[in-house]
């Protein structure tokens, strides 16, 4: 599949370059950029009906450009959606960790889902139970010497 993608990508670049050249060869109504590249040269080579040929050729190139764009996007999406080694390894780890991933509830009597309309209280701000004693937090000192008396 990589060979097909590279081949289509090479054709894609060639079509893009051909589109640039054909668009620049067209004679605009105001004789702008087309005259700078010798707009009369195309009439001498291909005849007086060059503008119709170039417009049709531009349309065909544009159609091929969009078809190749869509085809390459589908091929790239198909290429990246295949199972890679990393993806399969992650799936193995996830399936192995899945049974032990669900923690047991702290209070088996508490409902798993709160009642509708009940206020939601975060776990950190819940009132502590009466059986546990709380100790005030101790502020850490920067260094042991900082708590000693300063020298005078």
N, C-alpha and C. Protein backbone atom coordinates (compact mmCIF):
# COMPACT_ATOMS: atom_id res chain seq x y z
N UNK A 1 0.82 -1.18 0.00
CA UNK A 1 0.00 0.00 0.00
C UNK A 1 0.87 1.26 0.00
N UNK A 2 2.04 1.21 0.63
CA UNK A 2 2.93 2.37 0.67
C UNK A 2 3.40 2.73 -0.74
N UNK A 3 3.61 1.73 -1.58
CA UNK A 3 4.03 1.99 -2.96
C UNK A 3 2.93 2.72 -3.72
N UNK A 4 1.68 2.31 -3.52
CA UNK A 4 0.56 2.97 -4.17
C UNK A 4 0.43 4.42 -3.71
N UNK A 5 0.59 4.65 -2.43
CA UNK A 5 0.50 6.02 -1.90
C UNK A 5 1.61 6.88 -2.49
N UNK A 6 2.83 6.36 -2.55
CA UNK A 6 3.93 7.14 -3.12
C UNK A 6 3.72 7.41 -4.60
N UNK A 7 3.21 6.44 -5.33
CA UNK A 7 2.94 6.62 -6.76
C UNK A 7 1.86 7.69 -6.98
N UNK A 8 0.77 7.61 -6.21
CA UNK A 8 -0.29 8.60 -6.34
C UNK A 8 0.17 9.98 -5.89
N UNK A 9 1.05 10.03 -4.93
CA UNK A 9 1.58 11.31 -4.47
C UNK A 9 2.45 11.96 -5.54
N UNK A 10 3.23 11.15 -6.27
CA UNK A 10 4.04 11.68 -7.36
C UNK A 10 3.14 12.22 -8.47
N UNK A 11 2.09 11.50 -8.80
CA UNK A 11 1.14 11.98 -9.82
C UNK A 11 0.45 13.26 -9.32
N UNK A 12 0.14 13.32 -8.06
CA UNK A 12 -0.49 14.48 -7.45
C UNK A 12 0.37 15.73 -7.63
N UNK A 13 1.67 15.60 -7.37
CA UNK A 13 2.59 16.73 -7.52
C UNK A 13 2.69 17.13 -8.98
N UNK A 14 2.75 16.17 -9.89
CA UNK A 14 2.82 16.50 -11.32
C UNK A 14 1.56 17.23 -11.78
N UNK A 15 0.41 16.80 -11.33
CA UNK A 15 -0.83 17.47 -11.70
C UNK A 15 -0.85 18.89 -11.15
N UNK A 16 -0.37 19.07 -9.93
CA UNK A 16 -0.33 20.41 -9.35
C UNK A 16 0.58 21.33 -10.16
N UNK A 17 1.73 20.82 -10.58
CA UNK A 17 2.64 21.64 -11.38
C UNK A 17 2.04 21.95 -12.76
N UNK A 18 1.40 20.95 -13.37
CA UNK A 18 0.74 21.18 -14.65
C UNK A 18 -0.37 22.22 -14.52
N UNK A 19 -1.12 22.16 -13.44
CA UNK A 19 -2.18 23.15 -13.23
C UNK A 19 -1.61 24.56 -13.14
N UNK A 20 -0.50 24.71 -12.43
CA UNK A 20 0.12 26.03 -12.32
C UNK A 20 0.52 26.53 -13.70
N UNK A 21 1.16 25.67 -14.49
CA UNK A 21 1.62 26.09 -15.82
C UNK A 21 0.45 26.42 -16.74
N UNK A 22 -0.57 25.59 -16.74
CA UNK A 22 -1.71 25.81 -17.64
C UNK A 22 -2.47 27.06 -17.24
N UNK A 23 -2.62 27.29 -15.95
CA UNK A 23 -3.32 28.50 -15.51
C UNK A 23 -2.53 29.74 -15.87
N UNK A 24 -1.21 29.68 -15.76
CA UNK A 24 -0.40 30.85 -16.12
C UNK A 24 -0.38 31.08 -17.63
N UNK A 25 -0.57 30.03 -18.43
CA UNK A 25 -0.57 30.20 -19.88
C UNK A 25 -1.88 30.81 -20.39
N UNK A 26 -2.94 30.75 -19.62
CA UNK A 26 -4.22 31.28 -20.08
C UNK A 26 -4.15 32.79 -20.20
N UNK A 27 -4.84 33.29 -21.20
CA UNK A 27 -4.86 34.72 -21.44
C UNK A 27 -6.04 35.31 -20.67
N UNK A 28 -5.73 36.17 -19.70
CA UNK A 28 -6.83 36.82 -18.99
C UNK A 28 -7.44 37.92 -19.85
N UNK A 29 -8.61 38.36 -19.49
CA UNK A 29 -9.28 39.39 -20.26
C UNK A 29 -8.54 40.72 -20.17
N UNK A 30 -7.83 40.95 -19.07
CA UNK A 30 -7.11 42.21 -18.92
C UNK A 30 -5.66 42.13 -19.37
N UNK A 31 -5.27 41.02 -19.98
CA UNK A 31 -3.90 40.83 -20.46
C UNK A 31 -2.87 41.03 -19.35
N UNK A 32 -3.11 40.45 -18.20
CA UNK A 32 -2.23 40.62 -17.05
C UNK A 32 -1.03 39.71 -17.11
N UNK A 33 -1.02 38.70 -16.28
CA UNK A 33 0.13 37.81 -16.14
C UNK A 33 0.32 36.93 -17.37
N UNK A 34 -0.77 36.64 -18.08
CA UNK A 34 -0.66 35.82 -19.28
C UNK A 34 0.18 36.48 -20.36
N UNK A 35 0.11 37.80 -20.49
CA UNK A 35 0.90 38.52 -21.49
C UNK A 35 2.36 38.56 -21.09
N UNK A 36 2.65 38.55 -19.80
CA UNK A 36 4.04 38.58 -19.33
C UNK A 36 4.77 37.29 -19.71
N UNK A 37 4.06 36.18 -19.79
CA UNK A 37 4.67 34.91 -20.17
C UNK A 37 4.49 34.61 -21.65
N UNK A 38 4.13 35.59 -22.41
CA UNK A 38 3.98 35.37 -23.85
C UNK A 38 2.65 34.74 -24.18
N UNK A 39 1.56 35.42 -23.92
CA UNK A 39 0.23 34.89 -24.18
C UNK A 39 0.00 34.60 -25.64
N UNK A 40 0.67 35.32 -26.55
CA UNK A 40 0.51 35.09 -27.98
C UNK A 40 1.21 33.83 -28.45
N UNK A 41 2.17 33.32 -27.68
CA UNK A 41 2.92 32.13 -28.08
C UNK A 41 2.00 30.92 -28.15
N UNK A 42 1.09 30.80 -27.20
CA UNK A 42 0.20 29.63 -27.19
C UNK A 42 -0.73 29.65 -28.40
N UNK A 43 -1.12 30.83 -28.85
CA UNK A 43 -1.97 30.90 -30.04
C UNK A 43 -1.19 30.49 -31.27
N UNK A 44 0.09 30.83 -31.34
CA UNK A 44 0.90 30.45 -32.49
C UNK A 44 1.15 28.95 -32.53
N UNK A 45 1.30 28.33 -31.36
CA UNK A 45 1.59 26.90 -31.32
C UNK A 45 0.33 26.07 -31.50
N UNK A 46 -0.72 26.39 -30.74
CA UNK A 46 -1.91 25.55 -30.72
C UNK A 46 -3.05 26.07 -31.60
N UNK A 47 -2.96 27.26 -32.08
CA UNK A 47 -4.02 27.82 -32.91
C UNK A 47 -4.78 28.90 -32.17
N UNK A 48 -5.77 29.47 -32.83
CA UNK A 48 -6.50 30.61 -32.27
C UNK A 48 -7.47 30.20 -31.17
N UNK A 49 -7.86 28.96 -31.11
CA UNK A 49 -8.83 28.50 -30.11
C UNK A 49 -8.13 27.97 -28.85
N UNK A 50 -6.99 28.53 -28.52
CA UNK A 50 -6.21 28.04 -27.39
C UNK A 50 -6.93 28.23 -26.08
N UNK A 51 -7.64 29.32 -25.92
CA UNK A 51 -8.28 29.58 -24.62
C UNK A 51 -9.30 28.51 -24.29
N UNK A 52 -10.04 28.03 -25.26
CA UNK A 52 -11.02 26.97 -25.00
C UNK A 52 -10.32 25.68 -24.59
N UNK A 53 -9.21 25.37 -25.26
CA UNK A 53 -8.46 24.15 -24.94
C UNK A 53 -7.86 24.25 -23.54
N UNK A 54 -7.28 25.40 -23.22
CA UNK A 54 -6.65 25.56 -21.91
C UNK A 54 -7.69 25.55 -20.79
N UNK A 55 -8.85 26.13 -21.04
CA UNK A 55 -9.91 26.12 -20.02
C UNK A 55 -10.39 24.69 -19.78
N UNK A 56 -10.57 23.93 -20.83
CA UNK A 56 -11.01 22.53 -20.67
C UNK A 56 -9.92 21.70 -19.98
N UNK A 57 -8.66 21.92 -20.38
CA UNK A 57 -7.55 21.18 -19.77
C UNK A 57 -7.43 21.52 -18.28
N UNK A 58 -7.64 22.79 -17.93
CA UNK A 58 -7.61 23.19 -16.52
C UNK A 58 -8.73 22.51 -15.74
N UNK A 59 -9.89 22.41 -16.36
CA UNK A 59 -11.01 21.73 -15.70
C UNK A 59 -10.72 20.27 -15.46
N UNK A 60 -10.13 19.60 -16.45
CA UNK A 60 -9.78 18.19 -16.27
C UNK A 60 -8.71 18.01 -15.20
N UNK A 61 -7.70 18.87 -15.23
CA UNK A 61 -6.65 18.78 -14.21
C UNK A 61 -7.21 19.04 -12.81
N UNK A 62 -8.12 19.99 -12.71
CA UNK A 62 -8.72 20.28 -11.41
C UNK A 62 -9.53 19.08 -10.91
N UNK A 63 -10.27 18.45 -11.79
CA UNK A 63 -11.04 17.26 -11.40
C UNK A 63 -10.13 16.14 -10.93
N UNK A 64 -9.05 15.89 -11.67
CA UNK A 64 -8.10 14.84 -11.26
C UNK A 64 -7.42 15.20 -9.94
N UNK A 65 -7.14 16.50 -9.74
CA UNK A 65 -6.52 16.96 -8.50
C UNK A 65 -7.42 16.65 -7.31
N UNK A 66 -8.71 16.96 -7.42
CA UNK A 66 -9.62 16.70 -6.31
C UNK A 66 -9.86 15.21 -6.09
N UNK A 67 -9.92 14.43 -7.15
CA UNK A 67 -10.09 12.98 -6.99
C UNK A 67 -8.87 12.38 -6.30
N UNK A 68 -7.68 12.82 -6.71
CA UNK A 68 -6.47 12.31 -6.05
C UNK A 68 -6.39 12.76 -4.60
N UNK A 69 -6.84 13.98 -4.32
CA UNK A 69 -6.85 14.46 -2.94
C UNK A 69 -7.73 13.56 -2.07
N UNK A 70 -8.92 13.26 -2.55
CA UNK A 70 -9.83 12.40 -1.80
C UNK A 70 -9.26 10.99 -1.66
N UNK A 71 -8.70 10.44 -2.74
CA UNK A 71 -8.14 9.08 -2.71
C UNK A 71 -6.98 8.99 -1.73
N UNK A 72 -6.08 9.97 -1.77
CA UNK A 72 -4.94 9.95 -0.86
C UNK A 72 -5.38 10.10 0.59
N UNK A 73 -6.40 10.92 0.84
CA UNK A 73 -6.86 11.06 2.22
C UNK A 73 -7.47 9.75 2.74
N UNK A 74 -8.19 9.03 1.88
CA UNK A 74 -8.75 7.74 2.29
C UNK A 74 -7.64 6.72 2.54
N UNK A 75 -6.64 6.71 1.65
CA UNK A 75 -5.54 5.76 1.81
C UNK A 75 -4.74 6.05 3.08
N UNK A 76 -4.47 7.32 3.36
CA UNK A 76 -3.74 7.66 4.57
C UNK A 76 -4.55 7.31 5.81
N UNK A 77 -5.85 7.54 5.78
CA UNK A 77 -6.69 7.20 6.93
C UNK A 77 -6.72 5.69 7.14
N UNK A 78 -6.78 4.93 6.05
CA UNK A 78 -6.79 3.47 6.16
C UNK A 78 -5.44 2.96 6.67
N UNK A 79 -4.38 3.62 6.25
CA UNK A 79 -3.04 3.20 6.66
C UNK A 79 -2.84 3.43 8.16
N UNK A 80 -3.33 4.55 8.69
CA UNK A 80 -3.12 4.84 10.10
C UNK A 80 -4.11 4.13 11.00
N UNK A 81 -5.21 3.59 10.46
CA UNK A 81 -6.19 2.93 11.31
C UNK A 81 -5.83 1.48 11.61
N UNK A 82 -4.83 0.96 10.95
CA UNK A 82 -4.42 -0.42 11.23
C UNK A 82 -3.87 -0.54 12.64
N UNK A 83 -3.94 -1.73 13.20
CA UNK A 83 -3.40 -1.94 14.53
C UNK A 83 -1.88 -1.88 14.48
N UNK A 84 -1.32 -0.96 15.22
CA UNK A 84 0.12 -0.86 15.33
C UNK A 84 0.56 -1.61 16.58
N UNK A 85 1.83 -1.79 16.73
CA UNK A 85 2.35 -2.47 17.91
C UNK A 85 2.03 -1.72 19.18
N UNK A 86 2.13 -0.41 19.13
CA UNK A 86 1.84 0.40 20.31
C UNK A 86 0.37 0.30 20.68
N UNK A 87 -0.51 0.36 19.69
CA UNK A 87 -1.95 0.29 19.97
C UNK A 87 -2.33 -1.07 20.57
N UNK A 88 -1.80 -2.14 20.02
CA UNK A 88 -2.13 -3.46 20.56
C UNK A 88 -1.57 -3.62 21.97
N UNK A 89 -0.40 -3.06 22.23
CA UNK A 89 0.18 -3.13 23.57
C UNK A 89 -0.67 -2.34 24.57
N UNK A 90 -1.15 -1.17 24.16
CA UNK A 90 -2.00 -0.38 25.04
C UNK A 90 -3.33 -1.09 25.31
N UNK A 91 -3.88 -1.75 24.29
CA UNK A 91 -5.12 -2.49 24.50
C UNK A 91 -4.91 -3.65 25.46
N UNK A 92 -3.76 -4.33 25.38
CA UNK A 92 -3.47 -5.42 26.31
C UNK A 92 -3.37 -4.90 27.74
N UNK A 93 -2.68 -3.77 27.91
CA UNK A 93 -2.54 -3.20 29.26
C UNK A 93 -3.88 -2.75 29.81
N UNK A 94 -4.71 -2.18 28.94
CA UNK A 94 -6.01 -1.70 29.39
C UNK A 94 -6.91 -2.87 29.80
N UNK A 95 -6.89 -3.94 29.02
CA UNK A 95 -7.74 -5.08 29.36
C UNK A 95 -7.23 -5.78 30.62
N UNK A 96 -5.93 -5.77 30.85
CA UNK A 96 -5.37 -6.40 32.06
C UNK A 96 -5.67 -5.56 33.29
N UNK A 97 -5.68 -4.25 33.17
CA UNK A 97 -5.90 -3.38 34.31
C UNK A 97 -7.37 -3.10 34.55
N UNK A 98 -8.23 -3.46 33.67
CA UNK A 98 -9.64 -3.14 33.78
C UNK A 98 -10.34 -3.80 34.98
N UNK A 99 -10.14 -5.09 35.27
CA UNK A 99 -10.85 -5.68 36.42
C UNK A 99 -10.47 -5.03 37.76
N UNK A 100 -9.21 -4.64 37.95
CA UNK A 100 -8.79 -4.07 39.22
C UNK A 100 -8.92 -2.56 39.24
N UNK A 101 -9.40 -1.97 38.17
CA UNK A 101 -9.47 -0.52 38.10
C UNK A 101 -10.64 0.04 38.88
N UNK A 102 -11.69 -0.73 39.16
CA UNK A 102 -12.85 -0.20 39.88
C UNK A 102 -12.60 -0.31 41.38
N UNK A 103 -12.50 0.83 42.10
CA UNK A 103 -12.25 0.78 43.54
C UNK A 103 -13.53 0.42 44.29
N UNK A 104 -13.35 -0.18 45.45
CA UNK A 104 -14.48 -0.54 46.29
C UNK A 104 -15.01 0.72 46.94
N UNK A 105 -16.32 0.84 47.12
CA UNK A 105 -16.87 2.05 47.75
C UNK A 105 -16.44 2.11 49.21
N UNK A 106 -16.23 3.34 49.73
CA UNK A 106 -15.79 3.52 51.11
C UNK A 106 -16.90 3.13 52.09
N UNK A 107 -18.12 3.46 51.77
CA UNK A 107 -19.25 3.15 52.63
C UNK A 107 -20.19 2.24 51.84
N UNK A 108 -20.25 0.95 52.17
CA UNK A 108 -21.10 0.06 51.39
C UNK A 108 -22.58 0.37 51.51
N UNK A 109 -23.01 1.06 52.58
CA UNK A 109 -24.42 1.39 52.76
C UNK A 109 -24.84 2.62 51.97
N UNK A 110 -23.88 3.41 51.54
CA UNK A 110 -24.20 4.64 50.81
C UNK A 110 -24.65 4.29 49.39
N UNK A 111 -25.60 5.04 48.87
CA UNK A 111 -26.03 4.77 47.49
C UNK A 111 -24.94 5.13 46.50
N UNK A 112 -24.87 4.39 45.41
CA UNK A 112 -23.83 4.62 44.40
C UNK A 112 -24.08 5.92 43.66
N UNK A 113 -25.35 6.26 43.45
CA UNK A 113 -25.70 7.47 42.73
C UNK A 113 -26.51 8.35 43.67
N UNK A 114 -26.15 9.64 43.81
CA UNK A 114 -26.93 10.49 44.70
C UNK A 114 -28.34 10.70 44.15
N UNK A 115 -29.25 10.99 45.06
CA UNK A 115 -30.64 11.22 44.66
C UNK A 115 -30.73 12.47 43.82
N UNK A 116 -31.68 12.51 42.89
CA UNK A 116 -31.82 13.72 42.07
C UNK A 116 -32.18 14.91 42.95
N UNK A 117 -31.54 16.03 42.69
CA UNK A 117 -31.80 17.24 43.45
C UNK A 117 -30.97 17.33 44.72
N UNK A 118 -30.22 16.29 45.06
CA UNK A 118 -29.38 16.33 46.25
C UNK A 118 -28.15 17.16 45.95
N UNK A 119 -27.69 17.96 46.93
CA UNK A 119 -26.49 18.76 46.68
C UNK A 119 -25.26 17.87 46.56
N UNK A 120 -24.37 18.27 45.69
CA UNK A 120 -23.14 17.51 45.48
C UNK A 120 -22.07 18.12 46.34
N UNK A 121 -21.49 17.31 47.23
CA UNK A 121 -20.46 17.76 48.14
C UNK A 121 -19.16 17.10 47.72
N UNK A 122 -18.11 17.87 47.43
CA UNK A 122 -16.83 17.26 47.09
C UNK A 122 -16.27 16.47 48.26
N UNK A 123 -15.50 15.46 47.96
CA UNK A 123 -14.96 14.57 49.00
C UNK A 123 -14.05 15.31 49.96
N UNK A 124 -13.31 16.31 49.51
CA UNK A 124 -12.37 17.01 50.37
C UNK A 124 -13.08 17.88 51.39
N UNK A 125 -14.28 18.38 51.08
CA UNK A 125 -14.97 19.27 52.00
C UNK A 125 -16.02 18.55 52.84
N UNK A 126 -16.08 17.25 52.78
CA UNK A 126 -17.06 16.51 53.58
C UNK A 126 -16.69 16.61 55.05
N UNK A 127 -17.69 16.61 55.91
CA UNK A 127 -17.44 16.72 57.35
C UNK A 127 -16.74 15.45 57.84
N UNK A 128 -15.71 15.59 58.69
CA UNK A 128 -15.03 14.40 59.20
C UNK A 128 -15.92 13.66 60.19
N UNK A 129 -15.72 12.38 60.29
CA UNK A 129 -16.52 11.58 61.22
C UNK A 129 -16.05 11.82 62.65
N UNK A 130 -16.89 11.49 63.61
CA UNK A 130 -16.59 11.76 65.03
C UNK A 130 -15.51 10.82 65.55
N UNK A 131 -15.30 9.69 64.93
CA UNK A 131 -14.35 8.72 65.45
C UNK A 131 -12.91 9.09 65.13
N UNK A 132 -12.69 9.92 64.13
CA UNK A 132 -11.32 10.29 63.79
C UNK A 132 -10.97 11.60 64.44
N UNK A 133 -9.74 11.72 64.87
CA UNK A 133 -9.27 12.96 65.47
C UNK A 133 -8.43 13.69 64.45
N UNK A 134 -8.59 14.99 64.46
CA UNK A 134 -7.82 15.78 63.50
C UNK A 134 -6.71 16.50 64.22
N UNK A 135 -5.59 16.59 63.58
CA UNK A 135 -4.47 17.33 64.14
C UNK A 135 -4.25 18.55 63.25
N UNK A 136 -3.91 19.66 63.86
CA UNK A 136 -3.70 20.86 63.05
C UNK A 136 -2.47 20.67 62.17
N UNK A 137 -2.50 21.24 61.01
CA UNK A 137 -1.33 21.10 60.13
C UNK A 137 -0.14 21.84 60.69
N UNK A 138 1.01 21.26 60.49
CA UNK A 138 2.25 21.83 60.97
C UNK A 138 2.94 22.46 59.77
N UNK A 139 3.28 23.71 59.92
CA UNK A 139 3.96 24.41 58.83
C UNK A 139 5.42 23.98 58.81
N UNK A 140 5.91 23.52 57.69
CA UNK A 140 7.32 23.10 57.64
C UNK A 140 8.23 24.32 57.65
N UNK A 141 9.33 24.17 58.33
CA UNK A 141 10.30 25.26 58.35
C UNK A 141 11.28 25.07 57.21
N UNK A 142 11.89 26.17 56.81
CA UNK A 142 12.80 26.13 55.67
C UNK A 142 14.04 25.33 55.99
N UNK A 143 14.58 25.51 57.17
CA UNK A 143 15.76 24.75 57.58
C UNK A 143 15.76 24.62 59.09
N UNK A 144 16.52 23.67 59.65
CA UNK A 144 16.54 23.54 61.12
C UNK A 144 17.12 24.76 61.80
N UNK A 145 18.01 25.48 61.17
CA UNK A 145 18.63 26.65 61.78
C UNK A 145 17.64 27.81 61.85
N UNK A 146 16.64 27.79 61.00
CA UNK A 146 15.68 28.89 60.97
C UNK A 146 14.84 28.94 62.24
N UNK A 147 14.63 27.81 62.90
CA UNK A 147 13.83 27.80 64.13
C UNK A 147 14.66 28.19 65.35
N UNK A 148 15.97 28.17 65.23
CA UNK A 148 16.82 28.54 66.34
C UNK A 148 16.81 30.06 66.51
N UNK A 149 17.23 30.52 67.69
CA UNK A 149 17.27 31.94 67.93
C UNK A 149 18.35 32.59 67.05
N UNK A 150 18.03 33.75 66.52
CA UNK A 150 19.06 34.42 65.72
C UNK A 150 20.21 34.90 66.59
N UNK A 151 21.39 34.89 66.08
CA UNK A 151 22.58 35.34 66.82
C UNK A 151 22.60 36.86 66.82
N UNK A 152 23.06 37.40 68.02
CA UNK A 152 23.15 38.86 68.12
C UNK A 152 24.55 39.32 68.15
